[in-house]
C-alpha atoms as a PDB file:
ATOM      1  CA  MET A   1      -0.569  61.517  21.840  1.00  0.00           C
ATOM      2  CA  ASN A   2      -3.172  64.273  22.227  1.00  0.00           C
ATOM      3  CA  GLU A   3      -4.027  66.714  19.473  1.00  0.00           C
ATOM      4  CA  ASN A   4      -1.665  69.681  19.875  1.00  0.00           C
ATOM      5  CA  ASN A   5       0.297  72.343  18.057  1.00  0.00           C
ATOM      6  CA  VAL A   6       3.698  70.773  18.695  1.00  0.00           C
ATOM      7  CA  SER A   7       4.730  67.789  16.593  1.00  0.00           C
ATOM      8  CA  TYR A   8       8.471  68.505  16.477  1.00  0.00           C
ATOM      9  CA  VAL A   9      10.883  70.061  18.965  1.00  0.00           C
ATOM     10  CA  PHE A  10      14.137  71.913  18.334  1.00  0.00           C
ATOM     11  CA  LEU A  11      17.037  71.259  20.707  1.00  0.00           C
ATOM     12  CA  LEU A  12      19.444  74.202  20.955  1.00  0.00           C
ATOM     13  CA  GLY A  13      22.325  72.281  22.531  1.00  0.00           C
ATOM     14  CA  PHE A  14      25.164  74.738  23.301  1.00  0.00           C
ATOM     15  CA  PRO A  15      24.324  77.826  21.188  1.00  0.00           C
ATOM     16  CA  ASN A  16      27.100  79.944  22.741  1.00  0.00           C
ATOM     17  CA  LEU A  17      29.919  77.628  21.648  1.00  0.00           C
ATOM     18  CA  HIS A  18      29.777  78.080  17.864  1.00  0.00           C
ATOM     19  CA  SER A  19      33.538  78.620  17.476  1.00  0.00           C
ATOM     20  CA  PHE A  20      34.297  75.442  19.452  1.00  0.00           C
ATOM     21  CA  ASN A  21      31.719  73.165  17.819  1.00  0.00           C
ATOM     22  CA  SER A  22      34.244  71.173  15.765  1.00  0.00           C
ATOM     23  CA  LEU A  23      36.542  70.648  18.744  1.00  0.00           C
ATOM     24  CA  LEU A  24      33.631  69.672  20.997  1.00  0.00           C
ATOM     25  CA  PHE A  25      32.304  67.272  18.358  1.00  0.00           C
ATOM     26  CA  VAL A  26      35.651  65.447  18.057  1.00  0.00           C
ATOM     27  CA  PHE A  27      36.094  65.386  21.842  1.00  0.00           C
ATOM     28  CA  LEU A  28      32.629  63.895  22.468  1.00  0.00           C
ATOM     29  CA  LEU A  29      33.000  61.423  19.589  1.00  0.00           C
ATOM     30  CA  ILE A  30      36.207  60.100  21.152  1.00  0.00           C
ATOM     31  CA  ILE A  31      34.509  59.879  24.558  1.00  0.00           C
ATOM     32  CA  TYR A  32      31.572  57.996  23.013  1.00  0.00           C
ATOM     33  CA  CYS A  33      33.842  55.477  21.270  1.00  0.00           C
ATOM     34  CA  VAL A  34      35.962  54.919  24.402  1.00  0.00           C
ATOM     35  CA  THR A  35      32.821  54.562  26.549  1.00  0.00           C
ATOM     36  CA  MET A  36      31.298  51.961  24.254  1.00  0.00           C
ATOM     37  CA  CYS A  37      34.572  50.006  23.929  1.00  0.00           C
ATOM     38  CA  GLY A  38      35.245  50.111  27.671  1.00  0.00           C
ATOM     39  CA  ASN A  39      31.816  48.831  28.664  1.00  0.00           C
ATOM     40  CA  VAL A  40      31.760  46.171  25.923  1.00  0.00           C
ATOM     41  CA  ILE A  41      35.175  44.939  27.106  1.00  0.00           C
ATOM     42  CA  ILE A  42      33.863  44.712  30.696  1.00  0.00           C
ATOM     43  CA  ILE A  43      30.849  42.635  29.578  1.00  0.00           C
ATOM     44  CA  THR A  44      33.003  40.424  27.321  1.00  0.00           C
ATOM     45  CA  LEU A  45      35.631  39.723  29.995  1.00  0.00           C
ATOM     46  CA  VAL A  46      33.020  38.801  32.601  1.00  0.00           C
ATOM     47  CA  SER A  47      31.300  36.517  30.093  1.00  0.00           C
ATOM     48  CA  ILE A  48      34.404  34.559  29.011  1.00  0.00           C
ATOM     49  CA  SER A  49      36.577  34.576  32.151  1.00  0.00           C
ATOM     50  CA  LYS A  50      35.799  31.968  34.815  1.00  0.00           C
ATOM     51  CA  ASN A  51      37.582  34.070  37.440  1.00  0.00           C
ATOM     52  CA  LEU A  52      34.974  36.793  36.945  1.00  0.00           C
ATOM     53  CA  HIS A  53      31.929  34.531  37.323  1.00  0.00           C
ATOM     54  CA  SER A  54      30.835  35.950  40.673  1.00  0.00           C
ATOM     55  CA  PRO A  55      27.869  38.090  41.828  1.00  0.00           C
ATOM     56  CA  MET A  56      29.926  41.292  42.079  1.00  0.00           C
ATOM     57  CA  TYR A  57      31.073  41.078  38.458  1.00  0.00           C
ATOM     58  CA  PHE A  58      27.604  40.076  37.290  1.00  0.00           C
ATOM     59  CA  PHE A  59      26.252  43.310  38.786  1.00  0.00           C
ATOM     60  CA  ILE A  60      29.089  45.276  37.159  1.00  0.00           C
ATOM     61  CA  THR A  61      28.001  43.983  33.727  1.00  0.00           C
ATOM     62  CA  GLN A  62      24.497  45.291  34.428  1.00  0.00           C
ATOM     63  CA  VAL A  63      25.883  48.746  35.177  1.00  0.00           C
ATOM     64  CA  SER A  64      27.857  48.546  31.917  1.00  0.00           C
ATOM     65  CA  LEU A  65      24.714  47.591  29.985  1.00  0.00           C
ATOM     66  CA  LEU A  66      22.865  50.565  31.471  1.00  0.00           C
ATOM     67  CA  ASP A  67      25.757  52.903  30.641  1.00  0.00           C
ATOM     68  CA  ILE A  68      25.734  51.660  27.037  1.00  0.00           C
ATOM     69  CA  LEU A  69      21.969  52.174  26.843  1.00  0.00           C
ATOM     70  CA  MET A  70      22.058  55.706  28.245  1.00  0.00           C
ATOM     71  CA  THR A  71      25.099  56.785  26.235  1.00  0.00           C
ATOM     72  CA  THR A  72      23.549  55.521  22.995  1.00  0.00           C
ATOM     73  CA  ASP A  73      20.304  57.298  23.876  1.00  0.00           C
ATOM     74  CA  ILE A  74      21.984  60.680  24.447  1.00  0.00           C
ATOM     75  CA  VAL A  75      25.364  61.082  22.728  1.00  0.00           C
ATOM     76  CA  PRO A  76      24.661  60.301  19.008  1.00  0.00           C
ATOM     77  CA  ASN A  77      21.878  62.872  18.962  1.00  0.00           C
ATOM     78  CA  LEU A  78      24.103  65.300  20.893  1.00  0.00           C
ATOM     79  CA  LEU A  79      26.800  64.921  18.219  1.00  0.00           C
ATOM     80  CA  HIS A  80      24.207  65.719  15.547  1.00  0.00           C
ATOM     81  CA  ILE A  81      23.083  68.816  17.477  1.00  0.00           C
ATOM     82  CA  ILE A  82      26.664  70.093  17.832  1.00  0.00           C
ATOM     83  CA  LEU A  83      27.454  69.450  14.170  1.00  0.00           C
ATOM     84  CA  HIS A  84      24.347  71.276  12.926  1.00  0.00           C
ATOM     85  CA  ASP A  85      24.034  74.013  15.599  1.00  0.00           C
ATOM     86  CA  GLY A  86      20.845  72.440  16.918  1.00  0.00           C
ATOM     87  CA  GLY A  87      18.662  69.506  16.047  1.00  0.00           C
ATOM     88  CA  THR A  88      15.041  68.661  15.357  1.00  0.00           C
ATOM     89  CA  MET A  89      13.239  65.570  16.581  1.00  0.00           C
ATOM     90  CA  SER A  90       9.597  64.551  16.823  1.00  0.00           C
ATOM     91  CA  LEU A  91       7.771  65.099  20.093  1.00  0.00           C
ATOM     92  CA  ALA A  92       7.219  61.346  20.397  1.00  0.00           C
ATOM     93  CA  ALA A  93      10.956  60.718  19.934  1.00  0.00           C
ATOM     94  CA  CYS A  94      11.735  63.418  22.498  1.00  0.00           C
ATOM     95  CA  ILE A  95       9.497  61.782  25.112  1.00  0.00           C
ATOM     96  CA  SER A  96      10.949  58.371  24.242  1.00  0.00           C
ATOM     97  CA  GLN A  97      14.482  59.699  24.717  1.00  0.00           C
ATOM     98  CA  PHE A  98      13.558  60.926  28.185  1.00  0.00           C
ATOM     99  CA  PHE A  99      11.919  57.587  29.014  1.00  0.00           C
ATOM    100  CA  VAL A 100      15.045  55.579  28.032  1.00  0.00           C
ATOM    101  CA  PHE A 101      17.311  57.998  29.909  1.00  0.00           C
ATOM    102  CA  ALA A 102      15.164  57.994  33.068  1.00  0.00           C
ATOM    103  CA  ASN A 103      14.775  54.221  32.958  1.00  0.00           C
ATOM    104  CA  SER A 104      18.554  53.780  32.706  1.00  0.00           C
ATOM    105  CA  GLU A 105      19.230  56.147  35.602  1.00  0.00           C
ATOM    106  CA  THR A 106      16.536  54.597  37.813  1.00  0.00           C
ATOM    107  CA  SER A 107      17.694  51.042  37.099  1.00  0.00           C
ATOM    108  CA  GLU A 108      21.272  52.038  37.888  1.00  0.00           C
ATOM    109  CA  CYS A 109      20.179  53.525  41.226  1.00  0.00           C
ATOM    110  CA  LEU A 110      18.521  50.238  42.154  1.00  0.00           C
ATOM    111  CA  ILE A 111      21.384  48.013  40.953  1.00  0.00           C
ATOM    112  CA  LEU A 112      23.978  50.141  42.775  1.00  0.00           C
ATOM    113  CA  THR A 113      21.863  49.614  45.898  1.00  0.00           C
ATOM    114  CA  VAL A 114      21.870  45.841  45.347  1.00  0.00           C
ATOM    115  CA  MET A 115      25.648  46.005  44.901  1.00  0.00           C
ATOM    116  CA  SER A 116      25.996  47.801  48.245  1.00  0.00           C
ATOM    117  CA  TYR A 117      24.022  44.990  49.889  1.00  0.00           C
ATOM    118  CA  ASP A 118      26.308  42.475  48.159  1.00  0.00           C
ATOM    119  CA  ARG A 119      29.364  44.233  49.626  1.00  0.00           C
ATOM    120  CA  TYR A 120      27.666  44.430  53.045  1.00  0.00           C
ATOM    121  CA  VAL A 121      27.065  40.669  53.148  1.00  0.00           C
ATOM    122  CA  ALA A 122      30.572  39.905  51.810  1.00  0.00           C
ATOM    123  CA  ILE A 123      32.307  41.959  54.520  1.00  0.00           C
ATOM    124  CA  CYS A 124      29.903  41.889  57.466  1.00  0.00           C
ATOM    125  CA  ASN A 125      28.573  38.337  57.084  1.00  0.00           C
ATOM    126  CA  PRO A 126      31.110  36.452  54.926  1.00  0.00           C
ATOM    127  CA  LEU A 127      30.237  32.966  56.211  1.00  0.00           C
ATOM    128  CA  ARG A 128      26.700  33.249  54.830  1.00  0.00           C
ATOM    129  CA  TYR A 129      27.646  35.077  51.613  1.00  0.00           C
ATOM    130  CA  GLY A 130      27.289  32.023  49.358  1.00  0.00           C
ATOM    131  CA  SER A 131      23.833  31.143  50.692  1.00  0.00           C
ATOM    132  CA  ILE A 132      22.463  34.721  50.607  1.00  0.00           C
ATOM    133  CA  ILE A 133      24.025  36.155  47.432  1.00  0.00           C
ATOM    134  CA  ASN A 134      23.330  33.153  45.200  1.00  0.00           C
ATOM    135  CA  LYS A 135      22.454  32.923  41.514  1.00  0.00           C
ATOM    136  CA  THR A 136      18.712  33.184  42.195  1.00  0.00           C
ATOM    137  CA  PHE A 137      19.189  36.368  44.225  1.00  0.00           C
ATOM    138  CA  CYS A 138      21.397  37.949  41.538  1.00  0.00           C
ATOM    139  CA  VAL A 139      19.058  37.214  38.629  1.00  0.00           C
ATOM    140  CA  THR A 140      15.899  38.121  40.574  1.00  0.00           C
ATOM    141  CA  SER A 141      17.306  41.410  41.892  1.00  0.00           C
ATOM    142  CA  VAL A 142      18.529  42.511  38.445  1.00  0.00           C
ATOM    143  CA  ILE A 143      15.287  41.590  36.665  1.00  0.00           C
ATOM    144  CA  GLY A 144      13.361  43.260  39.495  1.00  0.00           C
ATOM    145  CA  SER A 145      15.413  46.460  39.172  1.00  0.00           C
ATOM    146  CA  TRP A 146      14.915  46.683  35.396  1.00  0.00           C
ATOM    147  CA  LEU A 147      11.215  45.789  35.581  1.00  0.00           C
ATOM    148  CA  LEU A 148      10.384  48.050  38.544  1.00  0.00           C
ATOM    149  CA  SER A 149      12.005  51.103  36.963  1.00  0.00           C
ATOM    150  CA  TYR A 150      10.260  50.388  33.646  1.00  0.00           C
ATOM    151  CA  LEU A 151       6.795  50.033  35.221  1.00  0.00           C
ATOM    152  CA  ILE A 152       7.163  53.108  37.441  1.00  0.00           C
ATOM    153  CA  LEU A 153       8.366  55.341  34.610  1.00  0.00           C
ATOM    154  CA  LEU A 154       5.820  53.955  32.160  1.00  0.00           C
ATOM    155  CA  MET A 155       3.089  55.654  34.218  1.00  0.00           C
ATOM    156  CA  ASP A 156       4.941  58.960  33.919  1.00  0.00           C
ATOM    157  CA  GLU A 157       5.333  58.567  30.155  1.00  0.00           C
ATOM    158  CA  ILE A 158       1.612  57.862  29.795  1.00  0.00           C
ATOM    159  CA  ASP A 159       0.797  60.966  31.876  1.00  0.00           C
ATOM    160  CA  ILE A 160       3.156  63.095  29.769  1.00  0.00           C
ATOM    161  CA  CYS A 161       1.588  61.821  26.548  1.00  0.00           C
ATOM    162  CA  LYS A 162      -1.833  62.915  27.825  1.00  0.00           C
ATOM    163  CA  LEU A 163      -0.699  66.544  28.121  1.00  0.00           C
ATOM    164  CA  ASP A 164      -1.550  69.208  25.544  1.00  0.00           C
ATOM    165  CA  PHE A 165       1.534  70.695  23.890  1.00  0.00           C
ATOM    166  CA  CYS A 166       0.903  74.123  22.412  1.00  0.00           C
ATOM    167  CA  GLY A 167       4.412  75.515  22.265  1.00  0.00           C
ATOM    168  CA  PRO A 168       6.900  76.948  22.089  1.00  0.00           C
ATOM    169  CA  ASN A 169       8.678  73.969  20.560  1.00  0.00           C
ATOM    170  CA  VAL A 170      12.246  75.005  21.446  1.00  0.00           C
ATOM    171  CA  ILE A 171      14.203  73.206  24.185  1.00  0.00           C
ATOM    172  CA  ASP A 172      17.325  74.977  25.417  1.00  0.00           C
ATOM    173  CA  HIS A 173      19.145  71.771  26.295  1.00  0.00           C
ATOM    174  CA  PHE A 174      21.096  68.995  24.550  1.00  0.00           C
ATOM    175  CA  PHE A 175      18.582  66.249  25.356  1.00  0.00           C
ATOM    176  CA  CYS A 176      14.937  65.880  26.343  1.00  0.00           C
ATOM    177  CA  ASP A 177      14.918  66.025  30.121  1.00  0.00           C
ATOM    178  CA  PHE A 178      11.793  66.073  32.294  1.00  0.00           C
ATOM    179  CA  SER A 179      11.488  69.803  33.042  1.00  0.00           C
ATOM    180  CA  PRO A 180      12.175  71.004  29.459  1.00  0.00           C
ATOM    181  CA  ILE A 181       9.442  68.670  28.166  1.00  0.00           C
ATOM    182  CA  LEU A 182       6.899  69.977  30.672  1.00  0.00           C
ATOM    183  CA  GLU A 183       7.745  73.557  29.658  1.00  0.00           C
ATOM    184  CA  LEU A 184       6.377  72.760  26.193  1.00  0.00           C
ATOM    185  CA  SER A 185       2.959  71.933  27.627  1.00  0.00           C
ATOM    186  CA  CYS A 186       0.066  74.309  28.199  1.00  0.00           C
ATOM    187  CA  SER A 187      -1.674  71.810  30.518  1.00  0.00           C
ATOM    188  CA  ASP A 188      -1.532  71.833  34.300  1.00  0.00           C
ATOM    189  CA  THR A 189       1.595  69.808  35.118  1.00  0.00           C
ATOM    190  CA  SER A 190       1.562  70.221  38.908  1.00  0.00           C
ATOM    191  CA  LEU A 191       0.175  66.700  39.500  1.00  0.00           C
ATOM    192  CA  ILE A 192       2.847  65.101  37.297  1.00  0.00           C
ATOM    193  CA  GLN A 193       5.589  67.092  39.026  1.00  0.00           C
ATOM    194  CA  LEU A 194       4.291  65.944  42.418  1.00  0.00           C
ATOM    195  CA  HIS A 195       4.151  62.359  41.209  1.00  0.00           C
ATOM    196  CA  VAL A 196       7.711  62.492  39.865  1.00  0.00           C
ATOM    197  CA  ALA A 197       8.940  64.042  43.123  1.00  0.00           C
ATOM    198  CA  ALA A 198       7.378  61.133  45.038  1.00  0.00           C
ATOM    199  CA  ILE A 199       8.979  58.634  42.662  1.00  0.00           C
ATOM    200  CA  GLY A 200      12.326  60.390  43.109  1.00  0.00           C
ATOM    201  CA  ILE A 201      12.122  59.789  46.855  1.00  0.00           C
ATOM    202  CA  ILE A 202      11.368  56.098  46.284  1.00  0.00           C
ATOM    203  CA  VAL A 203      13.935  55.269  43.588  1.00  0.00           C
ATOM    204  CA  ILE A 204      16.725  57.763  44.350  1.00  0.00           C
ATOM    205  CA  ILE A 205      16.601  58.991  47.957  1.00  0.00           C
ATOM    206  CA  CYS A 206      15.615  55.671  49.582  1.00  0.00           C
ATOM    207  CA  PRO A 207      18.295  53.659  47.709  1.00  0.00           C
ATOM    208  CA  PHE A 208      20.864  56.305  48.658  1.00  0.00           C
ATOM    209  CA  ILE A 209      19.912  55.974  52.336  1.00  0.00           C
ATOM    210  CA  ILE A 210      20.233  52.181  52.066  1.00  0.00           C
ATOM    211  CA  ILE A 211      23.701  52.581  50.522  1.00  0.00           C
ATOM    212  CA  ILE A 212      24.764  54.974  53.316  1.00  0.00           C
ATOM    213  CA  VAL A 213      23.517  52.569  56.008  1.00  0.00           C
ATOM    214  CA  SER A 214      25.244  49.612  54.305  1.00  0.00           C
ATOM    215  CA  TYR A 215      28.575  51.427  54.146  1.00  0.00           C
ATOM    216  CA  THR A 216      28.243  52.581  57.731  1.00  0.00           C
ATOM    217  CA  TYR A 217      28.142  48.917  58.788  1.00  0.00           C
ATOM    218  CA  ILE A 218      30.892  48.026  56.274  1.00  0.00           C
ATOM    219  CA  ILE A 219      33.275  50.746  57.506  1.00  0.00           C
ATOM    220  CA  THR A 220      32.564  49.838  61.140  1.00  0.00           C
ATOM    221  CA  THR A 221      33.360  46.187  60.396  1.00  0.00           C
ATOM    222  CA  ILE A 222      36.549  47.077  58.504  1.00  0.00           C
ATOM    223  CA  LEU A 223      37.799  49.282  61.352  1.00  0.00           C
ATOM    224  CA  ASN A 224      37.342  46.369  63.759  1.00  0.00           C
ATOM    225  CA  ILE A 225      39.656  44.130  61.710  1.00  0.00           C
ATOM    226  CA  GLN A 226      42.912  43.783  63.615  1.00  0.00           C
ATOM    227  CA  SER A 227      45.477  43.487  60.800  1.00  0.00           C
ATOM    228  CA  ILE A 228      46.274  46.382  58.470  1.00  0.00           C
ATOM    229  CA  SER A 229      46.499  44.031  55.472  1.00  0.00           C
ATOM    230  CA  GLY A 230      43.077  42.623  56.352  1.00  0.00           C
ATOM    231  CA  ARG A 231      41.570  46.115  56.482  1.00  0.00           C
ATOM    232  CA  GLU A 232      43.160  47.056  53.151  1.00  0.00           C
ATOM    233  CA  LYS A 233      41.907  43.863  51.487  1.00  0.00           C
ATOM    234  CA  ALA A 234      38.370  44.355  52.824  1.00  0.00           C
ATOM    235  CA  PHE A 235      38.258  47.989  51.733  1.00  0.00           C
ATOM    236  CA  SER A 236      39.624  47.181  48.268  1.00  0.00           C
ATOM    237  CA  THR A 237      36.645  44.910  47.588  1.00  0.00           C
ATOM    238  CA  CYS A 238      34.195  47.824  47.857  1.00  0.00           C
ATOM    239  CA  SER A 239      36.302  50.883  46.942  1.00  0.00           C
ATOM    240  CA  SER A 240      35.398  50.747  43.225  1.00  0.00           C
ATOM    241  CA  HIS A 241      31.677  50.547  43.966  1.00  0.00           C
ATOM    242  CA  LEU A 242      31.924  53.378  46.490  1.00  0.00           C
ATOM    243  CA  THR A 243      33.734  55.532  43.906  1.00  0.00           C
ATOM    244  CA  VAL A 244      31.052  54.873  41.256  1.00  0.00           C
ATOM    245  CA  VAL A 245      28.266  55.637  43.757  1.00  0.00           C
ATOM    246  CA  SER A 246      29.962  58.917  44.743  1.00  0.00           C
ATOM    247  CA  ILE A 247      30.322  60.036  41.107  1.00  0.00           C
ATOM    248  CA  PHE A 248      26.802  58.920  40.177  1.00  0.00           C
ATOM    249  CA  TYR A 249      24.950  60.572  43.054  1.00  0.00           C
ATOM    250  CA  GLY A 250      27.282  63.549  43.191  1.00  0.00           C
ATOM    251  CA  SER A 251      26.752  64.485  39.539  1.00  0.00           C
ATOM    252  CA  LEU A 252      23.035  63.669  39.622  1.00  0.00           C
ATOM    253  CA  SER A 253      22.316  65.766  42.719  1.00  0.00           C
ATOM    254  CA  SER A 254      24.461  68.690  41.566  1.00  0.00           C
ATOM    255  CA  VAL A 255      22.317  69.125  38.446  1.00  0.00           C
ATOM    256  CA  TYR A 256      19.039  69.382  40.285  1.00  0.00           C
ATOM    257  CA  MET A 257      20.431  71.693  42.972  1.00  0.00           C
ATOM    258  CA  VAL A 258      21.309  74.263  40.295  1.00  0.00           C
ATOM    259  CA  PRO A 259      18.422  76.405  38.944  1.00  0.00           C
ATOM    260  CA  SER A 260      17.698  75.719  35.271  1.00  0.00           C
ATOM    261  CA  LYS A 261      16.769  79.286  34.353  1.00  0.00           C
ATOM    262  CA  GLY A 262      18.680  82.328  33.232  1.00  0.00           C
ATOM    263  CA  GLN A 263      22.399  82.580  33.912  1.00  0.00           C
ATOM    264  CA  TYR A 264      22.456  79.106  35.517  1.00  0.00           C
ATOM    265  CA  LEU A 265      21.212  77.259  32.421  1.00  0.00           C
ATOM    266  CA  THR A 266      24.679  76.789  30.907  1.00  0.00           C
ATOM    267  CA  MET A 267      25.968  75.501  34.238  1.00  0.00           C
ATOM    268  CA  SER A 268      23.036  73.082  34.472  1.00  0.00           C
ATOM    269  CA  LYS A 269      23.744  71.712  30.980  1.00  0.00           C
ATOM    270  CA  THR A 270      27.431  71.367  31.780  1.00  0.00           C
ATOM    271  CA  LEU A 271      26.646  69.434  34.958  1.00  0.00           C
ATOM    272  CA  SER A 272      24.205  67.256  33.010  1.00  0.00           C
ATOM    273  CA  MET A 273      27.180  66.187  30.891  1.00  0.00           C
ATOM    274  CA  LEU A 274      28.692  64.636  34.010  1.00  0.00           C
ATOM    275  CA  TYR A 275      26.115  61.877  34.424  1.00  0.00           C
ATOM    276  CA  THR A 276      25.126  61.457  30.771  1.00  0.00           C
ATOM    277  CA  VAL A 277      28.626  61.460  29.217  1.00  0.00           C
ATOM    278  CA  VAL A 278      31.435  61.478  31.789  1.00  0.00           C
ATOM    279  CA  SER A 279      30.090  58.948  34.316  1.00  0.00           C
ATOM    280  CA  PRO A 280      29.566  56.132  31.741  1.00  0.00           C
ATOM    281  CA  LEU A 281      33.111  56.843  30.499  1.00  0.00           C
ATOM    282  CA  LEU A 282      34.712  56.583  33.949  1.00  0.00           C
ATOM    283  CA  ASN A 283      32.887  53.486  35.239  1.00  0.00           C
ATOM    284  CA  PRO A 284      34.794  50.873  33.152  1.00  0.00           C
ATOM    285  CA  PHE A 285      38.144  52.414  34.138  1.00  0.00           C
ATOM    286  CA  ILE A 286      37.211  52.524  37.820  1.00  0.00           C
ATOM    287  CA  TYR A 287      36.176  48.861  37.839  1.00  0.00           C
ATOM    288  CA  SER A 288      39.026  47.558  35.683  1.00  0.00           C
ATOM    289  CA  LEU A 289      42.074  49.654  36.594  1.00  0.00           C
ATOM    290  CA  ARG A 290      41.532  49.123  40.326  1.00  0.00           C
ATOM    291  CA  ASN A 291      40.745  45.418  40.067  1.00  0.00           C
ATOM    292  CA  LYS A 292      43.376  42.686  39.911  1.00  0.00           C
ATOM    293  CA  ASP A 293      40.948  40.072  38.512  1.00  0.00           C
ATOM    294  CA  PHE A 294      40.026  42.310  35.571  1.00  0.00           C
ATOM    295  CA  LYS A 295      43.675  42.992  34.796  1.00  0.00           C
ATOM    296  CA  GLU A 296      44.485  39.273  34.778  1.00  0.00           C
ATOM    297  CA  ALA A 297      41.440  38.481  32.615  1.00  0.00           C
ATOM    298  CA  LEU A 298      42.427  41.222  30.162  1.00  0.00           C
ATOM    299  CA  GLU A 299      45.981  39.864  29.895  1.00  0.00           C
ATOM    300  CA  LYS A 300      44.680  36.362  29.184  1.00  0.00           C
ATOM    301  CA  PHE A 301      42.278  37.762  26.597  1.00  0.00           C
ATOM    302  CA  LYS A 302      45.129  39.585  24.827  1.00  0.00           C
ATOM    303  CA  HIS A 303      47.231  36.434  24.568  1.00  0.00           C
ATOM    304  CA  ASN A 304      44.403  34.211  23.259  1.00  0.00           C
END
């Protein structure tokens, strides 16, 4: 870290909600506990149930791991901020929080893309599914997603650490996001912003296009199935993933389409809650409540 005037940052959180702090704290604590339990249950069921030992469920456990990582990175500190009307953390910890958050989001983008390819092969080329989506493919694609996101974002973290931070040291947000960190710097950040924009195209926009193309072929194939029951069965195998993708990209894009200054700042923070708090909460319910195999595995687990 360069020599600078900022060694600690103060996160304001939600300064206009003083009278609701206790209620918000309890509400978010419950959400955090349910999120952690839900994702741990998903991972446990897939690990112990033979009926869930398939590529699709293996990818679901990876999404659950990423949701646990991101939630643990953001929510405990958010609870502290709400309880104390703001919170202080070191600049190094602030940058690290952003790195873990960004790495989780990027990895999830890539794994959701792999899952769309898995659904494409299962529906559009079912006879070759076992030879294409094998154990080697699953493990390699997951390790590749985690490693690629880590290496790409590591360069950004190094660039951020090279900046001079001369203040102010106040961040009007509930976690250390990219733009609030750059606002603390007195260095020229235009090159980093350009670099991050390019990375965003590679790891967010391109995967989204791949998902759209995959589902275009999937929907076309489903519509060509003659029987209604066959169409319903085919669609049910990818409906949960499509729902998660819609929530993930919908909440993520809505945040960055809203200006982060002035009267829109509260709206931006509220929307940020969608993908940092709400999305990890919903994912386990989407995958389990709409999936017969998960329900059966849960019943067996209860009776053992």
